[in-house]
Protein backbone atom coordinates (compact mmCIF):
# COMPACT_ATOMS: atom_id res chain seq x y z
CA UNK A 1 57.89 13.86 137.74
CA UNK A 2 59.50 17.51 137.66
CA UNK A 3 60.81 18.79 140.61
CA UNK A 4 59.73 22.35 140.80
CA UNK A 5 61.04 25.52 143.25
CA UNK A 6 58.02 24.89 145.26
CA UNK A 7 59.31 21.75 146.36
CA UNK A 8 62.45 23.38 147.02
CA UNK A 9 60.80 26.26 149.18
CA UNK A 10 59.33 24.18 151.25
CA UNK A 11 60.51 24.26 155.09
CA UNK A 12 57.69 22.58 157.14
CA UNK A 13 55.13 19.63 156.08
CA UNK A 14 52.09 19.18 158.18
CA UNK A 15 50.99 15.51 157.23
CA UNK A 16 47.00 14.32 158.26
CA UNK A 17 47.13 10.95 160.57
CA UNK A 18 44.54 8.49 159.63
CA UNK A 19 44.42 7.49 155.68
CA UNK A 20 48.25 9.34 155.42
CA UNK A 21 50.45 7.53 157.81
CA UNK A 22 47.92 4.47 157.84
CA UNK A 23 45.92 2.46 155.53
CA UNK A 24 42.82 4.25 156.69
CA UNK A 25 42.04 0.94 158.46
CA UNK A 26 41.78 0.74 162.39
CA UNK A 27 41.39 -2.45 164.05
CA UNK A 28 39.46 -2.46 167.40
CA UNK A 29 39.82 -5.28 170.07
CA UNK A 30 36.94 -6.39 171.86
CA UNK A 31 38.06 -3.77 174.72
CA UNK A 32 37.78 -0.89 172.57
CA UNK A 33 41.65 -0.32 171.65
CA UNK A 34 42.54 0.51 168.32
CA UNK A 35 45.49 -0.24 166.57
CA UNK A 36 46.28 1.01 162.93
CA UNK A 37 49.13 -0.19 160.63
CA UNK A 38 52.12 2.09 160.10
CA UNK A 39 54.67 2.00 157.16
CA UNK A 40 57.88 1.53 158.75
CA UNK A 41 59.84 3.09 156.16
CA UNK A 42 58.48 6.67 156.90
CA UNK A 43 60.59 7.21 159.78
CA UNK A 44 63.64 7.60 157.77
CA UNK A 45 62.22 9.46 155.14
CA UNK A 46 61.28 11.89 158.20
CA UNK A 47 64.93 11.83 159.48
CA UNK A 48 65.98 12.54 156.61
CA UNK A 49 63.58 15.65 156.51
CA UNK A 50 64.90 16.78 159.96
CA UNK A 51 68.45 16.47 158.45
CA UNK A 52 68.02 19.30 156.03
CA UNK A 53 65.92 21.48 158.43
CA UNK A 54 62.65 20.94 157.57
CA UNK A 55 59.86 20.67 160.15
CA UNK A 56 57.52 18.39 160.11
CA UNK A 57 54.06 17.88 162.61
CA UNK A 58 51.36 15.85 162.47
CA UNK A 59 47.49 17.53 162.46
CA UNK A 60 44.87 14.90 163.45
CA UNK A 61 41.33 15.94 164.26
CA UNK A 62 41.25 12.66 166.75
CA UNK A 63 42.55 12.46 169.97
CA UNK A 64 44.25 8.97 170.39
CA UNK A 65 46.89 6.91 171.69
CA UNK A 66 48.27 5.34 168.89
CA UNK A 67 48.52 8.68 166.91
CA UNK A 68 50.50 9.87 170.33
CA UNK A 69 52.71 6.60 170.33
CA UNK A 70 53.50 7.02 166.58
CA UNK A 71 54.67 11.11 166.69
CA UNK A 72 56.75 9.72 169.90
CA UNK A 73 58.63 7.18 167.68
CA UNK A 74 58.91 9.39 165.10
CA UNK A 75 60.34 12.28 167.13
CA UNK A 76 57.56 14.44 165.69
CA UNK A 77 55.47 17.01 166.94
CA UNK A 78 52.10 16.05 167.07
CA UNK A 79 48.69 18.01 167.40
CA UNK A 80 45.62 15.96 167.97
CA UNK A 81 41.84 16.87 168.45
CA UNK A 82 42.17 19.52 166.42
CA UNK A 83 38.57 20.98 164.74
CA UNK A 84 40.21 23.29 163.06
CA UNK A 85 43.21 21.79 161.03
CA UNK A 86 43.96 25.29 158.93
CA UNK A 87 44.04 27.46 162.09
CA UNK A 88 46.63 24.86 163.10
CA UNK A 89 48.98 25.23 159.94
CA UNK A 90 48.42 29.16 160.27
CA UNK A 91 49.89 29.14 163.80
CA UNK A 92 52.43 26.32 163.15
CA UNK A 93 53.91 28.65 160.40
CA UNK A 94 53.47 31.85 162.28
CA UNK A 95 55.59 30.43 165.22
CA UNK A 96 58.34 29.02 162.58
CA UNK A 97 58.18 32.32 160.83
CA UNK A 98 57.05 30.80 157.74
CA UNK A 99 54.56 31.79 154.78
CA UNK A 100 51.90 29.11 154.24
CA UNK A 101 53.85 28.98 150.26
CA UNK A 102 56.91 27.56 152.32
CA UNK A 103 54.33 25.01 153.82
CA UNK A 104 53.30 21.43 152.59
CA UNK A 105 50.18 19.83 154.00
CA UNK A 106 49.79 15.95 153.30
CA UNK A 107 46.08 14.73 153.45
CA UNK A 108 43.68 12.60 151.92
CA UNK A 109 39.88 13.24 152.95
CA UNK A 110 37.64 16.33 152.80
CA UNK A 111 38.70 17.39 156.30
CA UNK A 112 42.13 18.50 154.92
CA UNK A 113 40.48 20.58 152.06
CA UNK A 114 40.82 23.97 153.29
CA UNK A 115 44.84 23.20 154.00
CA UNK A 116 45.16 21.82 151.16
CA UNK A 117 43.83 24.93 149.07
CA UNK A 118 45.98 27.18 151.61
CA UNK A 119 49.98 25.95 151.36
CA UNK A 120 52.12 26.30 148.55
CA UNK A 121 52.38 22.39 148.05
CA UNK A 122 49.27 20.67 148.51
CA UNK A 123 49.75 16.88 148.38
CA UNK A 124 47.39 13.87 148.65
CA UNK A 125 47.76 10.35 148.74
CA UNK A 126 47.04 7.95 145.76
CA UNK A 127 44.08 6.60 147.34
CA UNK A 128 42.26 10.00 148.83
CA UNK A 129 38.67 10.92 148.77
CA UNK A 130 37.95 12.00 145.18
CA UNK A 131 36.89 15.39 146.72
CA UNK A 132 40.61 16.58 147.13
CA UNK A 133 41.95 15.41 144.12
CA UNK A 134 41.84 18.47 142.14
CA UNK A 135 43.26 20.75 144.94
CA UNK A 136 46.23 18.68 144.62
CA UNK A 137 49.80 19.90 143.11
CA UNK A 138 51.09 16.28 143.66
CA UNK A 139 49.35 12.86 144.27
CA UNK A 140 51.48 9.94 145.67
CA UNK A 141 51.79 6.76 143.51
CA UNK A 142 52.13 5.07 146.84
CA UNK A 143 48.35 5.00 148.89
CA UNK A 144 48.21 6.26 152.40
CA UNK A 145 50.04 3.95 155.02
CA UNK A 146 51.99 2.07 152.07
CA UNK A 147 54.90 4.50 151.70
CA UNK A 148 53.02 7.90 150.89
CA UNK A 149 54.82 9.41 153.75
CA UNK A 150 58.19 7.99 152.58
CA UNK A 151 57.80 8.84 149.38
CA UNK A 152 56.91 12.75 149.92
CA UNK A 153 59.85 12.90 152.06
CA UNK A 154 62.21 11.36 149.46
CA UNK A 155 60.58 13.79 146.62
CA UNK A 156 61.54 16.93 149.20
CA UNK A 157 65.24 15.20 149.52
CA UNK A 158 65.46 14.80 145.87
CA UNK A 159 64.18 18.67 145.37
CA UNK A 160 67.42 19.83 146.97
CA UNK A 161 69.73 18.09 144.76
CA UNK A 162 72.74 16.18 145.73
CA UNK A 163 74.30 18.55 147.83
CA UNK A 164 70.79 19.14 149.87
CA UNK A 165 70.84 22.91 149.58
């Protein structure tokens, strides 16, 4: 894949959670407690982006303690219970003094569509819903929850070249 200037322009990556950080599977105990599976290597990718000065945020429609726990572990900002993801992306970009052309959004389903259509670098995971595939500038090789986040991070790092600029 050719790494274009649009990848180098990214200063904020907004990630959906379910289906991106996870494989879109939820385990529910008899007590109603939810658990999900995440890819451990994502953390190193997020850390590499931070070292380059690229901000990262999770924006999730749901409010779930598992999202809070994972975002804490990754030392990432997290916006939960978000009914209007596009408004959240606009607010985050404005807060950081960025245009939407400097934002990448990583999603997987129809509730991500407005964000994917609005940002400079729309990315979907390999196993994304068919309705969002045509909006993506990039579709990961890895499926959600199986290294897709790390893949995106590694590509953003590589786009800056060996010096990280």
